Full PDB file with SEQRES, HELIX, SHEET, SSBOND, CRYST1, ORIGX, SCALE, CONECT and MASTER records, all heavy atoms in Angstrom:
SEQRES   1 A   40  ASN TYR ASN ASP ILE LYS ASN ASP PHE TYR THR ASP TYR          
SEQRES   2 A   40  GLU LEU HIS GLU TYR ASN GLY ILE TYR PHE LEU GLN TYR          
SEQRES   3 A   40  THR ILE SER SER TYR THR GLY GLY VAL HIS TYR PHE GLN          
SEQRES   4 A   40  ILE                                                          
SHEET    1 AA1 3 ASP A   8  TYR A  18  0                                        
SHEET    2 AA1 3 ILE A  21  TYR A  31 -1                                        
SHEET    3 AA1 3 PHE A  38  GLN A  39 -1                                        
CRYST1    1.000    1.000    1.000  90.00  90.00  90.00 P 1           1          
ORIGX1      1.000000  0.000000  0.000000        0.00000                         
ORIGX2      0.000000  1.000000  0.000000        0.00000                         
ORIGX3      0.000000  0.000000  1.000000        0.00000                         
SCALE1      1.000000  0.000000  0.000000        0.00000                         
SCALE2      0.000000  1.000000  0.000000        0.00000                         
SCALE3      0.000000  0.000000  1.000000        0.00000                         
ATOM      1  N   ASN A   1     110.286 102.286 136.062  1.00  0.00           N  
ATOM      2  CA  ASN A   1     110.149 101.918 137.470  1.00  0.00           C  
ATOM      3  C   ASN A   1     110.728 100.541 137.781  1.00  0.00           C  
ATOM      4  O   ASN A   1     110.826 100.162 138.943  1.00  0.00           O  
ATOM      5  CB  ASN A   1     108.667 101.922 137.862  1.00  0.00           C  
ATOM      6  CG  ASN A   1     108.004 103.264 137.622  1.00  0.00           C  
ATOM      7  OD1 ASN A   1     108.578 104.301 137.934  1.00  0.00           O  
ATOM      8  ND2 ASN A   1     106.801 103.248 137.057  1.00  0.00           N  
ATOM      9  N   TYR A   2     111.113  99.801 136.721  1.00  0.00           N  
ATOM     10  CA  TYR A   2     111.490  98.408 136.917  1.00  0.00           C  
ATOM     11  C   TYR A   2     112.965  98.114 136.680  1.00  0.00           C  
ATOM     12  O   TYR A   2     113.443  97.041 137.015  1.00  0.00           O  
ATOM     13  CB  TYR A   2     110.668  97.495 136.008  1.00  0.00           C  
ATOM     14  CG  TYR A   2     109.181  97.637 136.153  1.00  0.00           C  
ATOM     15  CD1 TYR A   2     108.346  97.586 135.039  1.00  0.00           C  
ATOM     16  CD2 TYR A   2     108.599  97.829 137.406  1.00  0.00           C  
ATOM     17  CE1 TYR A   2     106.967  97.721 135.160  1.00  0.00           C  
ATOM     18  CE2 TYR A   2     107.225  97.963 137.536  1.00  0.00           C  
ATOM     19  CZ  TYR A   2     106.411  97.905 136.416  1.00  0.00           C  
ATOM     20  OH  TYR A   2     105.051  98.031 136.541  1.00  0.00           O  
ATOM     21  N   ASN A   3     113.706  99.025 136.076  1.00  0.00           N  
ATOM     22  CA  ASN A   3     115.125  98.748 135.843  1.00  0.00           C  
ATOM     23  C   ASN A   3     115.948 100.019 136.012  1.00  0.00           C  
ATOM     24  O   ASN A   3     115.404 101.116 136.163  1.00  0.00           O  
ATOM     25  CB  ASN A   3     115.345  98.124 134.453  1.00  0.00           C  
ATOM     26  CG  ASN A   3     114.852  99.003 133.323  1.00  0.00           C  
ATOM     27  OD1 ASN A   3     114.948 100.223 133.385  1.00  0.00           O  
ATOM     28  ND2 ASN A   3     114.338  98.398 132.259  1.00  0.00           N  
ATOM     29  N   ASP A   4     117.261  99.850 135.982  1.00  0.00           N  
ATOM     30  CA  ASP A   4     118.177 100.959 136.241  1.00  0.00           C  
ATOM     31  C   ASP A   4     118.920 101.410 134.993  1.00  0.00           C  
ATOM     32  O   ASP A   4     119.915 102.136 135.083  1.00  0.00           O  
ATOM     33  CB  ASP A   4     119.201 100.556 137.310  1.00  0.00           C  
ATOM     34  CG  ASP A   4     118.552 100.289 138.655  1.00  0.00           C  
ATOM     35  OD1 ASP A   4     117.598 101.015 138.995  1.00  0.00           O  
ATOM     36  OD2 ASP A   4     118.979  99.340 139.337  1.00  0.00           O  
ATOM     37  N   ILE A   5     118.465 100.994 133.824  1.00  0.00           N  
ATOM     38  CA  ILE A   5     119.103 101.409 132.581  1.00  0.00           C  
ATOM     39  C   ILE A   5     118.267 102.492 131.916  1.00  0.00           C  
ATOM     40  O   ILE A   5     117.127 102.744 132.305  1.00  0.00           O  
ATOM     41  CB  ILE A   5     119.269 100.219 131.618  1.00  0.00           C  
ATOM     42  CG1 ILE A   5     117.880  99.690 131.203  1.00  0.00           C  
ATOM     43  CG2 ILE A   5     120.101  99.120 132.247  1.00  0.00           C  
ATOM     44  CD1 ILE A   5     117.942  98.660 130.094  1.00  0.00           C  
ATOM     45  N   LYS A   6     118.846 103.124 130.909  1.00  0.00           N  
ATOM     46  CA  LYS A   6     118.089 104.097 130.137  1.00  0.00           C  
ATOM     47  C   LYS A   6     117.398 103.368 128.994  1.00  0.00           C  
ATOM     48  O   LYS A   6     118.048 102.768 128.136  1.00  0.00           O  
ATOM     49  CB  LYS A   6     119.002 105.199 129.595  1.00  0.00           C  
ATOM     50  CG  LYS A   6     118.221 106.313 128.897  1.00  0.00           C  
ATOM     51  CD  LYS A   6     119.075 107.539 128.649  1.00  0.00           C  
ATOM     52  CE  LYS A   6     118.254 108.656 128.018  1.00  0.00           C  
ATOM     53  NZ  LYS A   6     119.025 109.895 127.840  1.00  0.00           N  
ATOM     54  N   ASN A   7     116.098 103.401 128.991  1.00  0.00           N  
ATOM     55  CA  ASN A   7     115.298 102.692 128.000  1.00  0.00           C  
ATOM     56  C   ASN A   7     115.140 103.531 126.728  1.00  0.00           C  
ATOM     57  O   ASN A   7     115.256 104.764 126.764  1.00  0.00           O  
ATOM     58  CB  ASN A   7     113.935 102.349 128.581  1.00  0.00           C  
ATOM     59  CG  ASN A   7     114.047 101.476 129.822  1.00  0.00           C  
ATOM     60  OD1 ASN A   7     114.771 100.494 129.827  1.00  0.00           O  
ATOM     61  ND2 ASN A   7     113.338 101.846 130.877  1.00  0.00           N  
ATOM     62  N   ASP A   8     114.839 102.848 125.635  1.00  0.00           N  
ATOM     63  CA  ASP A   8     114.776 103.508 124.332  1.00  0.00           C  
ATOM     64  C   ASP A   8     113.553 103.014 123.566  1.00  0.00           C  
ATOM     65  O   ASP A   8     113.199 101.830 123.639  1.00  0.00           O  
ATOM     66  CB  ASP A   8     116.061 103.200 123.550  1.00  0.00           C  
ATOM     67  CG  ASP A   8     116.212 104.081 122.319  1.00  0.00           C  
ATOM     68  OD1 ASP A   8     115.630 105.172 122.303  1.00  0.00           O  
ATOM     69  OD2 ASP A   8     116.900 103.662 121.375  1.00  0.00           O  
ATOM     70  N   PHE A   9     112.936 103.932 122.822  1.00  0.00           N  
ATOM     71  CA  PHE A   9     111.689 103.615 122.105  1.00  0.00           C  
ATOM     72  C   PHE A   9     111.632 104.481 120.858  1.00  0.00           C  
ATOM     73  O   PHE A   9     111.746 105.700 120.945  1.00  0.00           O  
ATOM     74  CB  PHE A   9     110.508 103.948 123.036  1.00  0.00           C  
ATOM     75  CG  PHE A   9     109.126 103.726 122.490  1.00  0.00           C  
ATOM     76  CD1 PHE A   9     108.375 102.626 122.900  1.00  0.00           C  
ATOM     77  CD2 PHE A   9     108.531 104.638 121.636  1.00  0.00           C  
ATOM     78  CE1 PHE A   9     107.070 102.441 122.450  1.00  0.00           C  
ATOM     79  CE2 PHE A   9     107.232 104.460 121.169  1.00  0.00           C  
ATOM     80  CZ  PHE A   9     106.508 103.360 121.585  1.00  0.00           C  
ATOM     81  N   TYR A  10     111.524 103.855 119.715  1.00  0.00           N  
ATOM     82  CA  TYR A  10     111.379 104.650 118.490  1.00  0.00           C  
ATOM     83  C   TYR A  10     110.523 103.903 117.479  1.00  0.00           C  
ATOM     84  O   TYR A  10     110.306 102.689 117.591  1.00  0.00           O  
ATOM     85  CB  TYR A  10     112.732 105.017 117.890  1.00  0.00           C  
ATOM     86  CG  TYR A  10     113.527 103.875 117.315  1.00  0.00           C  
ATOM     87  CD1 TYR A  10     113.405 103.519 115.976  1.00  0.00           C  
ATOM     88  CD2 TYR A  10     114.429 103.158 118.108  1.00  0.00           C  
ATOM     89  CE1 TYR A  10     114.146 102.478 115.442  1.00  0.00           C  
ATOM     90  CE2 TYR A  10     115.163 102.122 117.583  1.00  0.00           C  
ATOM     91  CZ  TYR A  10     115.023 101.781 116.247  1.00  0.00           C  
ATOM     92  OH  TYR A  10     115.750 100.750 115.722  1.00  0.00           O  
ATOM     93  N   THR A  11     110.017 104.625 116.503  1.00  0.00           N  
ATOM     94  CA  THR A  11     109.111 104.041 115.514  1.00  0.00           C  
ATOM     95  C   THR A  11     109.643 104.226 114.106  1.00  0.00           C  
ATOM     96  O   THR A  11     110.465 105.104 113.831  1.00  0.00           O  
ATOM     97  CB  THR A  11     107.713 104.690 115.575  1.00  0.00           C  
ATOM     98  OG1 THR A  11     107.808 106.059 115.163  1.00  0.00           O  
ATOM     99  CG2 THR A  11     107.130 104.619 116.974  1.00  0.00           C  
ATOM    100  N   ASP A  12     109.134 103.393 113.233  1.00  0.00           N  
ATOM    101  CA  ASP A  12     109.385 103.518 111.804  1.00  0.00           C  
ATOM    102  C   ASP A  12     108.118 103.075 111.099  1.00  0.00           C  
ATOM    103  O   ASP A  12     107.310 102.323 111.666  1.00  0.00           O  
ATOM    104  CB  ASP A  12     110.570 102.636 111.398  1.00  0.00           C  
ATOM    105  CG  ASP A  12     111.103 102.991 110.007  1.00  0.00           C  
ATOM    106  OD1 ASP A  12     110.680 104.029 109.453  1.00  0.00           O  
ATOM    107  OD2 ASP A  12     111.926 102.230 109.483  1.00  0.00           O  
ATOM    108  N   TYR A  13     107.919 103.526 109.883  1.00  0.00           N  
ATOM    109  CA  TYR A  13     106.737 103.080 109.143  1.00  0.00           C  
ATOM    110  C   TYR A  13     107.030 103.021 107.650  1.00  0.00           C  
ATOM    111  O   TYR A  13     107.955 103.645 107.148  1.00  0.00           O  
ATOM    112  CB  TYR A  13     105.530 103.997 109.402  1.00  0.00           C  
ATOM    113  CG  TYR A  13     105.660 105.413 108.905  1.00  0.00           C  
ATOM    114  CD1 TYR A  13     105.400 105.736 107.567  1.00  0.00           C  
ATOM    115  CD2 TYR A  13     106.036 106.437 109.765  1.00  0.00           C  
ATOM    116  CE1 TYR A  13     105.524 107.036 107.108  1.00  0.00           C  
ATOM    117  CE2 TYR A  13     106.163 107.742 109.306  1.00  0.00           C  
ATOM    118  CZ  TYR A  13     105.898 108.041 107.983  1.00  0.00           C  
ATOM    119  OH  TYR A  13     106.020 109.328 107.529  1.00  0.00           O  
ATOM    120  N   GLU A  14     106.232 102.203 106.973  1.00  0.00           N  
ATOM    121  CA  GLU A  14     106.257 102.110 105.520  1.00  0.00           C  
ATOM    122  C   GLU A  14     104.839 102.311 105.019  1.00  0.00           C  
ATOM    123  O   GLU A  14     103.890 101.800 105.621  1.00  0.00           O  
ATOM    124  CB  GLU A  14     106.741 100.728 105.056  1.00  0.00           C  
ATOM    125  CG  GLU A  14     108.176 100.414 105.357  1.00  0.00           C  
ATOM    126  CD  GLU A  14     108.580  99.042 104.815  1.00  0.00           C  
ATOM    127  OE1 GLU A  14     107.769  98.444 104.057  1.00  0.00           O  
ATOM    128  OE2 GLU A  14     109.672  98.572 105.158  1.00  0.00           O  
ATOM    129  N   LEU A  15     104.706 103.024 103.915  1.00  0.00           N  
ATOM    130  CA  LEU A  15     103.399 103.216 103.307  1.00  0.00           C  
ATOM    131  C   LEU A  15     103.422 102.643 101.898  1.00  0.00           C  
ATOM    132  O   LEU A  15     104.283 102.996 101.089  1.00  0.00           O  
ATOM    133  CB  LEU A  15     103.038 104.698 103.255  1.00  0.00           C  
ATOM    134  CG  LEU A  15     101.696 105.020 102.574  1.00  0.00           C  
ATOM    135  CD1 LEU A  15     100.536 104.458 103.399  1.00  0.00           C  
ATOM    136  CD2 LEU A  15     101.534 106.522 102.376  1.00  0.00           C  
ATOM    137  N   HIS A  16     102.465 101.764 101.625  1.00  0.00           N  
ATOM    138  CA  HIS A  16     102.296 101.197 100.290  1.00  0.00           C  
ATOM    139  C   HIS A  16     100.906 101.571  99.793  1.00  0.00           C  
ATOM    140  O   HIS A  16      99.951 101.585 100.570  1.00  0.00           O  
ATOM    141  CB  HIS A  16     102.448  99.677 100.319  1.00  0.00           C  
ATOM    142  CG  HIS A  16     103.757  99.212 100.875  1.00  0.00           C  
ATOM    143  ND1 HIS A  16     104.885  99.059 100.090  1.00  0.00           N  
ATOM    144  CD2 HIS A  16     104.127  98.889 102.137  1.00  0.00           C  
ATOM    145  CE1 HIS A  16     105.880  98.645 100.838  1.00  0.00           C  
ATOM    146  NE2 HIS A  16     105.460  98.542 102.088  1.00  0.00           N  
ATOM    147  N   GLU A  17     100.808 101.864  98.508  1.00  0.00           N  
ATOM    148  CA  GLU A  17      99.512 102.227  97.924  1.00  0.00           C  
ATOM    149  C   GLU A  17      99.307 101.442  96.649  1.00  0.00           C  
ATOM    150  O   GLU A  17     100.231 101.274  95.846  1.00  0.00           O  
ATOM    151  CB  GLU A  17      99.460 103.728  97.634  1.00  0.00           C  
ATOM    152  CG  GLU A  17      98.099 104.218  97.139  1.00  0.00           C  
ATOM    153  CD  GLU A  17      97.922 104.090  95.618  1.00  0.00           C  
ATOM    154  OE1 GLU A  17      98.948 104.099  94.910  1.00  0.00           O  
ATOM    155  OE2 GLU A  17      96.770 103.993  95.154  1.00  0.00           O  
ATOM    156  N   TYR A  18      98.098 100.919  96.476  1.00  0.00           N  
ATOM    157  CA  TYR A  18      97.777 100.188  95.247  1.00  0.00           C  
ATOM    158  C   TYR A  18      96.280 100.304  94.979  1.00  0.00           C  
ATOM    159  O   TYR A  18      95.458  99.982  95.833  1.00  0.00           O  
ATOM    160  CB  TYR A  18      98.169  98.714  95.389  1.00  0.00           C  
ATOM    161  CG  TYR A  18      97.981  97.907  94.135  1.00  0.00           C  
ATOM    162  CD1 TYR A  18      98.698  98.201  92.973  1.00  0.00           C  
ATOM    163  CD2 TYR A  18      97.088  96.829  94.107  1.00  0.00           C  
ATOM    164  CE1 TYR A  18      98.536  97.448  91.823  1.00  0.00           C  
ATOM    165  CE2 TYR A  18      96.921  96.080  92.958  1.00  0.00           C  
ATOM    166  CZ  TYR A  18      97.651  96.392  91.809  1.00  0.00           C  
ATOM    167  OH  TYR A  18      97.474  95.652  90.662  1.00  0.00           O  
ATOM    168  N   ASN A  19      95.960 100.799  93.801  1.00  0.00           N  
ATOM    169  CA  ASN A  19      94.561 100.939  93.374  1.00  0.00           C  
ATOM    170  C   ASN A  19      93.698 101.686  94.392  1.00  0.00           C  
ATOM    171  O   ASN A  19      92.558 101.303  94.674  1.00  0.00           O  
ATOM    172  CB  ASN A  19      93.951  99.565  93.096  1.00  0.00           C  
ATOM    173  CG  ASN A  19      94.441  98.971  91.791  1.00  0.00           C  
ATOM    174  OD1 ASN A  19      95.029  99.673  90.952  1.00  0.00           O  
ATOM    175  ND2 ASN A  19      94.199  97.691  91.589  1.00  0.00           N  
ATOM    176  N   GLY A  20      94.252 102.751  94.969  1.00  0.00           N  
ATOM    177  CA  GLY A  20      93.473 103.572  95.892  1.00  0.00           C  
ATOM    178  C   GLY A  20      93.356 103.011  97.294  1.00  0.00           C  
ATOM    179  O   GLY A  20      92.581 103.526  98.105  1.00  0.00           O  
ATOM    180  N   ILE A  21      94.114 101.947  97.596  1.00  0.00           N  
ATOM    181  CA  ILE A  21      94.142 101.381  98.941  1.00  0.00           C  
ATOM    182  C   ILE A  21      95.510 101.676  99.552  1.00  0.00           C  
ATOM    183  O   ILE A  21      96.540 101.491  98.914  1.00  0.00           O  
ATOM    184  CB  ILE A  21      93.913  99.853  98.931  1.00  0.00           C  
ATOM    185  CG1 ILE A  21      92.650  99.490  98.137  1.00  0.00           C  
ATOM    186  CG2 ILE A  21      93.833  99.322 100.365  1.00  0.00           C  
ATOM    187  CD1 ILE A  21      91.363  99.974  98.738  1.00  0.00           C  
ATOM    188  N   TYR A  22      95.507 102.138 100.797  1.00  0.00           N  
ATOM    189  CA  TYR A  22      96.743 102.474 101.497  1.00  0.00           C  
ATOM    190  C   TYR A  22      97.030 101.428 102.577  1.00  0.00           C  
ATOM    191  O   TYR A  22      96.139 101.070 103.360  1.00  0.00           O  
ATOM    192  CB  TYR A  22      96.646 103.864 102.127  1.00  0.00           C  
ATOM    193  CG  TYR A  22      96.503 104.959 101.099  1.00  0.00           C  
ATOM    194  CD1 TYR A  22      95.242 105.395 100.698  1.00  0.00           C  
ATOM    195  CD2 TYR A  22      97.618 105.543 100.515  1.00  0.00           C  
ATOM    196  CE1 TYR A  22      95.106 106.392  99.734  1.00  0.00           C  
ATOM    197  CE2 TYR A  22      97.496 106.535  99.551  1.00  0.00           C  
ATOM    198  CZ  TYR A  22      96.234 106.947  99.165  1.00  0.00           C  
ATOM    199  OH  TYR A  22      96.109 107.925  98.204  1.00  0.00           O  
ATOM    200  N   PHE A  23      98.277 100.970 102.613  1.00  0.00           N  
ATOM    201  CA  PHE A  23      98.723  99.977 103.586  1.00  0.00           C  
ATOM    202  C   PHE A  23      99.850 100.619 104.398  1.00  0.00           C  
ATOM    203  O   PHE A  23     100.980 100.713 103.944  1.00  0.00           O  
ATOM    204  CB  PHE A  23      99.235  98.722 102.877  1.00  0.00           C  
ATOM    205  CG  PHE A  23      98.249  98.123 101.901  1.00  0.00           C  
ATOM    206  CD1 PHE A  23      98.241  98.530 100.573  1.00  0.00           C  
ATOM    207  CD2 PHE A  23      97.345  97.162 102.316  1.00  0.00           C  
ATOM    208  CE1 PHE A  23      97.348  97.977  99.663  1.00  0.00           C  
ATOM    209  CE2 PHE A  23      96.444  96.600 101.412  1.00  0.00           C  
ATOM    210  CZ  PHE A  23      96.442  97.011 100.087  1.00  0.00           C  
ATOM    211  N   LEU A  24      99.518 101.076 105.592  1.00  0.00           N  
ATOM    212  CA  LEU A  24     100.475 101.771 106.455  1.00  0.00           C  
ATOM    213  C   LEU A  24     100.970 100.799 107.526  1.00  0.00           C  
ATOM    214  O   LEU A  24     100.195 100.355 108.380  1.00  0.00           O  
ATOM    215  CB  LEU A  24      99.817 102.982 107.101  1.00  0.00           C  
ATOM    216  CG  LEU A  24     100.661 103.798 108.084  1.00  0.00           C  
ATOM    217  CD1 LEU A  24     101.875 104.405 107.391  1.00  0.00           C  
ATOM    218  CD2 LEU A  24      99.818 104.895 108.729  1.00  0.00           C  
ATOM    219  N   GLN A  25     102.244 100.463 107.473  1.00  0.00           N  
ATOM    220  CA  GLN A  25     102.827  99.488 108.393  1.00  0.00           C  
ATOM    221  C   GLN A  25     103.748 100.192 109.385  1.00  0.00           C  
ATOM    222  O   GLN A  25     104.676 100.884 108.988  1.00  0.00           O  
ATOM    223  CB  GLN A  25     103.611  98.426 107.612  1.00  0.00           C  
ATOM    224  CG  GLN A  25     102.752  97.648 106.635  1.00  0.00           C  
ATOM    225  CD  GLN A  25     103.536  96.631 105.831  1.00  0.00           C  
ATOM    226  OE1 GLN A  25     104.772  96.596 105.875  1.00  0.00           O  
ATOM    227  NE2 GLN A  25     102.835  95.774 105.093  1.00  0.00           N  
ATOM    228  N   TYR A  26     103.454  99.988 110.664  1.00  0.00           N  
ATOM    229  CA  TYR A  26     104.252 100.594 111.739  1.00  0.00           C  
ATOM    230  C   TYR A  26     105.096  99.539 112.442  1.00  0.00           C  
ATOM    231  O   TYR A  26     104.639  98.420 112.687  1.00  0.00           O  
ATOM    232  CB  TYR A  26     103.335 101.233 112.776  1.00  0.00           C  
ATOM    233  CG  TYR A  26     103.274 102.738 112.709  1.00  0.00           C  
ATOM    234  CD1 TYR A  26     102.238 103.376 112.041  1.00  0.00           C  
ATOM    235  CD2 TYR A  26     104.246 103.525 113.317  1.00  0.00           C  
ATOM    236  CE1 TYR A  26     102.169 104.754 111.975  1.00  0.00           C  
ATOM    237  CE2 TYR A  26     104.189 104.911 113.266  1.00  0.00           C  
ATOM    238  CZ  TYR A  26     103.146 105.521 112.590  1.00  0.00           C  
ATOM    239  OH  TYR A  26     103.089 106.883 112.534  1.00  0.00           O  
ATOM    240  N   THR A  27     106.320  99.928 112.796  1.00  0.00           N  
ATOM    241  CA  THR A  27     107.175  99.108 113.646  1.00  0.00           C  
ATOM    242  C   THR A  27     107.656  99.948 114.814  1.00  0.00           C  
ATOM    243  O   THR A  27     108.196 101.036 114.620  1.00  0.00           O  
ATOM    244  CB  THR A  27     108.405  98.581 112.878  1.00  0.00           C  
ATOM    245  OG1 THR A  27     107.975  97.776 111.784  1.00  0.00           O  
ATOM    246  CG2 THR A  27     109.292  97.747 113.790  1.00  0.00           C  
ATOM    247  N   ILE A  28     107.409  99.461 116.011  1.00  0.00           N  
ATOM    248  CA  ILE A  28     107.959 100.064 117.220  1.00  0.00           C  
ATOM    249  C   ILE A  28     109.146  99.219 117.658  1.00  0.00           C  
ATOM    250  O   ILE A  28     109.044  97.996 117.763  1.00  0.00           O  
ATOM    251  CB  ILE A  28     106.920 100.116 118.352  1.00  0.00           C  
ATOM    252  CG1 ILE A  28     105.785 101.080 118.007  1.00  0.00           C  
ATOM    253  CG2 ILE A  28     107.578 100.534 119.672  1.00  0.00           C  
ATOM    254  CD1 ILE A  28     104.640 101.051 119.012  1.00  0.00           C  
ATOM    255  N   SER A  29     110.267  99.859 117.906  1.00  0.00           N  
ATOM    256  CA  SER A  29     111.437  99.182 118.456  1.00  0.00           C  
ATOM    257  C   SER A  29     111.697  99.763 119.840  1.00  0.00           C  
ATOM    258  O   SER A  29     111.843 100.980 119.983  1.00  0.00           O  
ATOM    259  CB  SER A  29     112.670  99.394 117.564  1.00  0.00           C  
ATOM    260  OG  SER A  29     112.461  98.835 116.270  1.00  0.00           O  
ATOM    261  N   SER A  30     111.736  98.903 120.845  1.00  0.00           N  
ATOM    262  CA  SER A  30     111.972  99.395 122.198  1.00  0.00           C  
ATOM    263  C   SER A  30     113.024  98.543 122.886  1.00  0.00           C  
ATOM    264  O   SER A  30     113.106  97.329 122.666  1.00  0.00           O  
ATOM    265  CB  SER A  30     110.676  99.398 123.019  1.00  0.00           C  
ATOM    266  OG  SER A  30     110.219  98.086 123.249  1.00  0.00           O  
ATOM    267  N   TYR A  31     113.817  99.213 123.702  1.00  0.00           N  
ATOM    268  CA  TYR A  31     114.859  98.521 124.462  1.00  0.00           C  
ATOM    269  C   TYR A  31     114.647  98.801 125.940  1.00  0.00           C  
ATOM    270  O   TYR A  31     114.651  99.957 126.382  1.00  0.00           O  
ATOM    271  CB  TYR A  31     116.255  98.978 124.053  1.00  0.00           C  
ATOM    272  CG  TYR A  31     117.343  98.220 124.788  1.00  0.00           C  
ATOM    273  CD1 TYR A  31     117.666  96.922 124.409  1.00  0.00           C  
ATOM    274  CD2 TYR A  31     117.993  98.783 125.879  1.00  0.00           C  
ATOM    275  CE1 TYR A  31     118.636  96.201 125.092  1.00  0.00           C  
ATOM    276  CE2 TYR A  31     118.968  98.065 126.571  1.00  0.00           C  
ATOM    277  CZ  TYR A  31     119.273  96.778 126.175  1.00  0.00           C  
ATOM    278  OH  TYR A  31     120.220  96.063 126.855  1.00  0.00           O  
ATOM    279  N   THR A  32     114.428  97.731 126.699  1.00  0.00           N  
ATOM    280  CA  THR A  32     114.247  97.857 128.152  1.00  0.00           C  
ATOM    281  C   THR A  32     115.131  96.857 128.885  1.00  0.00           C  
ATOM    282  O   THR A  32     114.822  96.435 129.999  1.00  0.00           O  
ATOM    283  CB  THR A  32     112.764  97.628 128.521  1.00  0.00           C  
ATOM    284  OG1 THR A  32     112.342  96.356 127.992  1.00  0.00           O  
ATOM    285  CG2 THR A  32     111.877  98.725 127.955  1.00  0.00           C  
ATOM    286  N   GLY A  33     116.226  96.486 128.217  1.00  0.00           N  
ATOM    287  CA  GLY A  33     117.136  95.500 128.773  1.00  0.00           C  
ATOM    288  C   GLY A  33     117.144  94.242 127.912  1.00  0.00           C  
ATOM    289  O   GLY A  33     116.244  94.011 127.108  1.00  0.00           O  
ATOM    290  N   GLY A  34     118.179  93.435 128.071  1.00  0.00           N  
ATOM    291  CA  GLY A  34     118.258  92.206 127.296  1.00  0.00           C  
ATOM    292  C   GLY A  34     119.288  92.313 126.185  1.00  0.00           C  
ATOM    293  O   GLY A  34     120.069  93.259 126.114  1.00  0.00           O  
ATOM    294  N   VAL A  35     119.244  91.336 125.283  1.00  0.00           N  
ATOM    295  CA  VAL A  35     120.260  91.224 124.237  1.00  0.00           C  
ATOM    296  C   VAL A  35     120.027  92.220 123.116  1.00  0.00           C  
ATOM    297  O   VAL A  35     120.969  92.761 122.539  1.00  0.00           O  
ATOM    298  CB  VAL A  35     120.281  89.783 123.671  1.00  0.00           C  
ATOM    299  CG1 VAL A  35     121.291  89.659 122.539  1.00  0.00           C  
ATOM    300  CG2 VAL A  35     120.593  88.785 124.776  1.00  0.00           C  
ATOM    301  N   HIS A  36     118.771  92.480 122.785  1.00  0.00           N  
ATOM    302  CA  HIS A  36     118.481  93.345 121.648  1.00  0.00           C  
ATOM    303  C   HIS A  36     117.128  94.035 121.839  1.00  0.00           C  
ATOM    304  O   HIS A  36     116.406  93.790 122.810  1.00  0.00           O  
ATOM    305  CB  HIS A  36     118.499  92.544 120.336  1.00  0.00           C  
ATOM    306  CG  HIS A  36     117.653  91.303 120.385  1.00  0.00           C  
ATOM    307  ND1 HIS A  36     116.290  91.312 120.528  1.00  0.00           N  
ATOM    308  CD2 HIS A  36     118.000  89.988 120.305  1.00  0.00           C  
ATOM    309  CE1 HIS A  36     115.818  90.077 120.534  1.00  0.00           C  
ATOM    310  NE2 HIS A  36     116.839  89.258 120.406  1.00  0.00           N  
ATOM    311  N   TYR A  37     116.803  94.877 120.882  1.00  0.00           N  
ATOM    312  CA  TYR A  37     115.530  95.582 120.893  1.00  0.00           C  
ATOM    313  C   TYR A  37     114.367  94.589 120.741  1.00  0.00           C  
ATOM    314  O   TYR A  37     114.517  93.513 120.151  1.00  0.00           O  
ATOM    315  CB  TYR A  37     115.468  96.600 119.762  1.00  0.00           C  
ATOM    316  CG  TYR A  37     116.147  97.912 120.064  1.00  0.00           C  
ATOM    317  CD1 TYR A  37     117.536  98.015 120.071  1.00  0.00           C  
ATOM    318  CD2 TYR A  37     115.407  99.052 120.342  1.00  0.00           C  
ATOM    319  CE1 TYR A  37     118.171  99.213 120.350  1.00  0.00           C  
ATOM    320  CE2 TYR A  37     116.020 100.261 120.627  1.00  0.00           C  
ATOM    321  CZ  TYR A  37     117.406 100.337 120.626  1.00  0.00           C  
ATOM    322  OH  TYR A  37     118.012 101.533 120.907  1.00  0.00           O  
ATOM    323  N   PHE A  38     113.213  95.000 121.240  1.00  0.00           N  
ATOM    324  CA  PHE A  38     111.980  94.247 121.068  1.00  0.00           C  
ATOM    325  C   PHE A  38     111.119  94.993 120.053  1.00  0.00           C  
ATOM    326  O   PHE A  38     111.033  96.222 120.085  1.00  0.00           O  
ATOM    327  CB  PHE A  38     111.248  94.138 122.417  1.00  0.00           C  
ATOM    328  CG  PHE A  38     109.933  93.435 122.345  1.00  0.00           C  
ATOM    329  CD1 PHE A  38     109.876  92.063 122.162  1.00  0.00           C  
ATOM    330  CD2 PHE A  38     108.746  94.146 122.446  1.00  0.00           C  
ATOM    331  CE1 PHE A  38     108.652  91.410 122.088  1.00  0.00           C  
ATOM    332  CE2 PHE A  38     107.515  93.508 122.375  1.00  0.00           C  
ATOM    333  CZ  PHE A  38     107.475  92.125 122.207  1.00  0.00           C  
ATOM    334  N   GLN A  39     110.495  94.254 119.145  1.00  0.00           N  
ATOM    335  CA  GLN A  39     109.687  94.893 118.107  1.00  0.00           C  
ATOM    336  C   GLN A  39     108.204  94.616 118.301  1.00  0.00           C  
ATOM    337  O   GLN A  39     107.804  93.513 118.669  1.00  0.00           O  
ATOM    338  CB  GLN A  39     110.106  94.404 116.725  1.00  0.00           C  
ATOM    339  CG  GLN A  39     111.382  95.034 116.208  1.00  0.00           C  
ATOM    340  CD  GLN A  39     111.595  94.778 114.724  1.00  0.00           C  
ATOM    341  OE1 GLN A  39     110.822  94.083 114.070  1.00  0.00           O  
ATOM    342  NE2 GLN A  39     112.655  95.342 114.180  1.00  0.00           N  
ATOM    343  N   ILE A  40     107.408  95.653 118.018  1.00  0.00           N  
ATOM    344  CA  ILE A  40     105.949  95.543 117.993  1.00  0.00           C  
ATOM    345  C   ILE A  40     105.498  96.080 116.641  1.00  0.00           C  
ATOM    346  O   ILE A  40     105.928  97.166 116.224  1.00  0.00           O  
ATOM    347  CB  ILE A  40     105.292  96.356 119.118  1.00  0.00           C  
ATOM    348  CG1 ILE A  40     105.882  95.982 120.481  1.00  0.00           C  
ATOM    349  CG2 ILE A  40     103.781  96.140 119.126  1.00  0.00           C  
ATOM    350  CD1 ILE A  40     105.498  96.949 121.587  1.00  0.00           C  
TER     351      ILE A  40                                                      
MASTER        0    0    0    0    3    0    0    6  350    1    0    4          
END                                                                             
């Protein structure tokens, strides 16, 4: 509703496991204008 470009949003994740503990890391990359993607 705020800009005239086609916006983009995608995710990636990494899973690490050690001694029965899981560490799931997510990265969201979104583009809504500007020089480059924004990461969350």
